[in-house]
Protein backbone atom coordinates (compact mmCIF):
# COMPACT_ATOMS: atom_id res chain seq x y z
CA MET A 1 -47.92 51.83 -47.90
CA GLY A 2 -44.67 53.77 -48.34
CA GLU A 3 -43.22 55.14 -51.56
CA ARG A 4 -41.68 52.50 -53.86
CA TYR A 5 -37.90 52.39 -54.32
CA ASP A 6 -37.21 50.42 -57.49
CA CYS A 7 -34.27 49.64 -59.76
CA THR A 8 -34.06 52.24 -62.51
CA GLU A 9 -33.58 49.51 -65.14
CA CYS A 10 -35.68 46.45 -64.23
CA GLN A 11 -38.16 48.19 -61.91
CA GLU A 12 -37.76 45.48 -59.23
CA SER A 13 -38.14 46.70 -55.67
CA LEU A 14 -34.85 47.46 -53.93
CA TYR A 15 -36.25 47.21 -50.40
CA GLY A 16 -34.18 44.72 -48.41
CA HIS A 17 -31.65 44.35 -51.28
CA LYS A 18 -28.22 45.79 -52.02
CA TYR A 19 -28.17 48.44 -54.71
CA ILE A 20 -25.82 50.99 -56.26
CA LEU A 21 -26.47 54.64 -57.00
CA LYS A 22 -25.16 55.94 -60.30
CA GLU A 23 -25.81 59.58 -61.13
CA GLU A 24 -28.36 59.65 -58.31
CA LYS A 25 -30.30 56.72 -59.84
CA PRO A 26 -30.59 53.38 -57.98
CA TYR A 27 -29.77 50.08 -59.71
CA CYS A 28 -29.98 46.54 -58.43
CA ILE A 29 -26.60 44.76 -58.47
CA LYS A 30 -27.48 42.57 -61.47
CA CYS A 31 -28.60 45.50 -63.65
CA TYR A 32 -25.69 47.68 -62.59
CA GLU A 33 -23.17 45.00 -63.52
CA THR A 34 -24.87 44.31 -66.86
CA LEU A 35 -25.01 47.99 -67.76
CA PHE A 36 -21.84 49.45 -66.28
CA SER A 37 -19.31 46.81 -65.22
CA ASN A 38 -16.18 46.40 -67.31
CA THR A 39 -15.10 43.16 -68.95
CA CYS A 40 -11.81 41.62 -67.87
CA GLU A 41 -9.14 41.56 -70.59
CA VAL A 42 -8.00 38.06 -69.62
CA CYS A 43 -11.04 35.97 -68.68
CA GLN A 44 -13.59 38.07 -70.60
CA LYS A 45 -16.00 37.97 -67.63
CA LEU A 46 -17.68 40.98 -66.09
CA ILE A 47 -15.83 42.55 -63.19
CA SER A 48 -18.46 42.46 -60.46
CA CYS A 49 -19.15 45.18 -57.93
CA THR A 50 -17.52 43.08 -55.23
CA SER A 51 -14.29 42.62 -57.26
CA LYS A 52 -11.44 45.06 -57.61
CA ASP A 53 -11.36 46.59 -61.11
CA LEU A 54 -7.78 47.34 -62.17
CA SER A 55 -7.44 49.53 -65.24
CA TYR A 56 -4.68 50.72 -67.55
CA LYS A 57 -5.20 52.67 -70.78
CA ASP A 58 -8.95 51.90 -70.97
CA ARG A 59 -8.35 48.18 -70.39
CA HIS A 60 -9.64 46.38 -67.28
CA TRP A 61 -8.67 43.31 -65.25
CA HIS A 62 -9.80 41.37 -62.20
CA SER A 63 -7.05 41.61 -59.59
CA ASP A 64 -6.53 37.82 -59.93
CA CYS A 65 -6.11 38.21 -63.71
CA PHE A 66 -3.68 41.14 -63.57
CA LEU A 67 -0.55 39.04 -64.18
CA CYS A 68 2.76 39.24 -65.99
CA ASN A 69 2.39 37.66 -69.46
CA LYS A 70 5.80 35.95 -69.11
CA CYS A 71 6.14 34.67 -65.54
CA SER A 72 2.48 34.90 -64.38
CA ARG A 73 3.36 36.79 -61.19
CA SER A 74 0.74 39.22 -59.91
CA LEU A 75 1.23 42.83 -61.00
CA VAL A 76 -1.05 44.22 -58.29
CA ASP A 77 0.86 46.99 -56.46
CA ARG A 78 4.00 46.29 -58.53
CA PRO A 79 5.63 48.36 -61.28
CA PHE A 80 5.09 46.93 -64.76
CA ALA A 81 5.82 47.69 -68.40
CA THR A 82 4.01 46.93 -71.66
CA LYS A 83 5.20 45.69 -75.03
CA ASN A 84 2.81 45.05 -77.92
CA GLU A 85 -0.16 45.34 -75.53
CA MET A 86 1.35 42.67 -73.22
CA LEU A 87 1.80 43.42 -69.52
CA MET A 88 5.09 42.35 -67.97
CA CYS A 89 6.77 42.73 -64.62
CA ILE A 90 9.86 44.94 -64.77
CA GLU A 91 12.20 41.95 -64.41
CA CYS A 92 10.70 40.04 -67.37
CA TYR A 93 10.50 43.19 -69.49
CA SER A 94 14.14 44.06 -68.90
CA ASN A 95 15.27 40.48 -69.59
CA GLU A 96 13.37 40.48 -72.90
CA TYR A 97 13.69 44.02 -74.20
CA SER A 98 16.02 46.27 -72.20
CA ALA A 99 19.44 47.23 -73.46
CA LYS A 100 22.44 45.75 -71.67
CA CYS A 101 25.04 48.10 -70.20
CA HIS A 102 28.24 48.07 -72.28
CA ALA A 103 30.32 48.34 -69.08
CA CYS A 104 28.73 46.05 -66.45
CA LEU A 105 26.69 43.88 -68.89
CA LYS A 106 23.59 44.13 -66.66
CA ASN A 107 20.14 45.11 -67.93
CA ILE A 108 19.28 48.79 -67.98
CA MET A 109 15.93 48.85 -66.21
CA PRO A 110 13.01 50.71 -67.85
CA GLY A 111 12.72 54.25 -66.56
CA SER A 112 16.32 54.50 -65.40
CA LYS A 113 18.74 56.97 -66.97
CA LYS A 114 21.00 55.60 -69.67
CA MET A 115 23.66 57.00 -71.96
CA GLU A 116 23.91 55.96 -75.61
CA HIS A 117 26.71 56.35 -78.13
CA LYS A 118 27.27 54.60 -81.48
CA GLY A 119 24.79 51.81 -80.74
CA ASN A 120 26.05 51.08 -77.22
CA SER A 121 24.21 51.83 -73.97
CA TRP A 122 25.46 52.43 -70.43
CA HIS A 123 23.92 52.96 -67.03
CA GLU A 124 24.50 56.62 -66.21
CA SER A 125 26.79 55.56 -63.34
CA CYS A 126 28.76 53.16 -65.59
CA PHE A 127 29.43 55.77 -68.29
CA THR A 128 32.78 56.85 -66.84
CA CYS A 129 36.13 58.12 -68.06
CA ASN A 130 38.57 55.24 -68.58
CA ARG A 131 41.38 57.26 -66.97
CA CYS A 132 39.92 59.14 -63.98
CA GLN A 133 36.86 56.85 -63.51
CA GLN A 134 34.58 59.87 -62.99
CA PRO A 135 31.07 59.80 -64.53
CA ILE A 136 31.04 61.62 -67.86
CA GLY A 137 27.32 62.43 -67.81
CA THR A 138 26.47 64.95 -70.51
CA ARG A 139 29.98 66.45 -70.71
CA SER A 140 32.02 66.21 -73.91
CA PHE A 141 34.11 63.07 -74.27
CA VAL A 142 36.31 61.28 -76.78
CA GLN A 143 36.16 57.58 -77.61
CA LYS A 144 39.50 55.93 -78.36
CA ASP A 145 40.10 52.17 -78.77
CA ALA A 146 36.55 51.48 -77.48
CA ASN A 147 37.26 53.43 -74.27
CA ASN A 148 35.64 56.71 -73.26
CA TYR A 149 37.67 59.63 -71.94
CA CYS A 150 36.60 62.99 -70.58
CA LEU A 151 38.31 65.79 -72.53
CA PRO A 152 40.84 66.73 -69.82
CA CYS A 153 41.99 63.11 -69.45
CA TYR A 154 42.10 62.55 -73.19
CA GLU A 155 44.28 65.62 -73.66
CA LYS A 156 46.61 64.56 -70.82
CA GLN A 157 47.01 61.03 -72.14
CA PHE A 158 46.87 61.32 -75.93
CA ALA A 159 47.03 64.88 -77.23
CA LEU A 160 50.29 66.32 -78.60
CA GLN A 161 51.81 68.87 -76.23
CA CYS A 162 54.27 71.65 -76.77
CA VAL A 163 57.71 70.65 -75.44
CA HIS A 164 58.21 74.23 -74.28
CA CYS A 165 54.96 75.24 -72.54
CA LYS A 166 53.32 71.77 -72.20
CA LYS A 167 50.02 73.05 -73.58
CA VAL A 168 47.94 70.88 -75.93
CA LEU A 169 48.64 71.50 -79.60
CA GLY A 170 46.21 71.30 -82.47
CA GLY A 171 43.10 72.75 -80.85
CA ALA A 172 40.70 74.96 -82.71
CA ASN A 173 42.73 78.07 -81.82
CA THR A 174 46.14 76.57 -82.71
CA SER A 175 47.84 76.49 -86.10
CA LEU A 176 51.07 74.67 -86.96
CA SER A 177 53.67 75.87 -89.47
CA SER A 178 57.17 74.58 -90.39
CA SER A 179 60.33 76.64 -90.24
CA ALA A 180 63.50 76.29 -92.37
CA SER A 181 65.40 74.75 -89.43
CA GLY A 182 63.12 71.69 -89.23
CA THR A 183 61.13 72.80 -86.22
CA THR A 184 57.41 73.38 -86.17
CA ILE A 185 56.00 76.59 -84.79
CA ALA A 186 52.63 76.42 -83.04
CA SER A 187 50.81 79.73 -83.02
CA THR A 188 47.65 80.46 -81.05
CA ALA A 189 44.91 82.92 -81.87
CA ASN A 190 46.11 85.34 -79.19
CA GLY A 191 49.53 85.62 -80.87
CA ALA A 192 51.56 83.39 -78.53
CA ALA A 193 54.01 81.09 -80.33
CA CYS A 194 56.01 78.10 -79.15
CA LEU A 195 58.56 75.85 -80.80
CA TRP A 196 57.59 72.21 -81.09
CA LEU A 197 60.01 69.58 -82.28
CA VAL A 198 58.50 67.44 -85.05
CA GLY A 199 57.77 63.90 -83.95
CA VAL A 200 57.96 64.61 -80.23
CA SER A 201 54.76 64.25 -78.22
């Protein structure tokens, strides 16, 4: 008689039966599942050797149990998000928890780039200058009357300009002083000076 080939756990013969090797040791299906199979988070049943075991952060699901907690659609091979240990499809997650874009009023999908300022959020592509309509991105900008402006457009539209040279007045390198004749003299750090009539922009 040949050498015996038994289950490592229950010692039953494995001849003519399916078995699984784990760390070079053979186990019958029943013992393997009892010892090593994971328990499904949803139905609390063992995930058998013939079932697909889906895992995320040390939690396990049958493929039929891996569903969105809100709409019950399958999450197998689909992107998903979690909130308070709950799995959700991206659509349900964004409807429940994502910020809405201040410009287009659509949800900002998880994982996509967004811009934030003073409690408001924008899609990166919606965060544009109100004047030139170009994306602002991470460049400096000024907010005026709830509109965003890139610095060049803000200066063109709102900043005070010298009536003589048309340059913007009042920057960090500009100082204003009054003369006896009622004009204001704008001096820059490099020594240039222009006359600017008070009240004219």
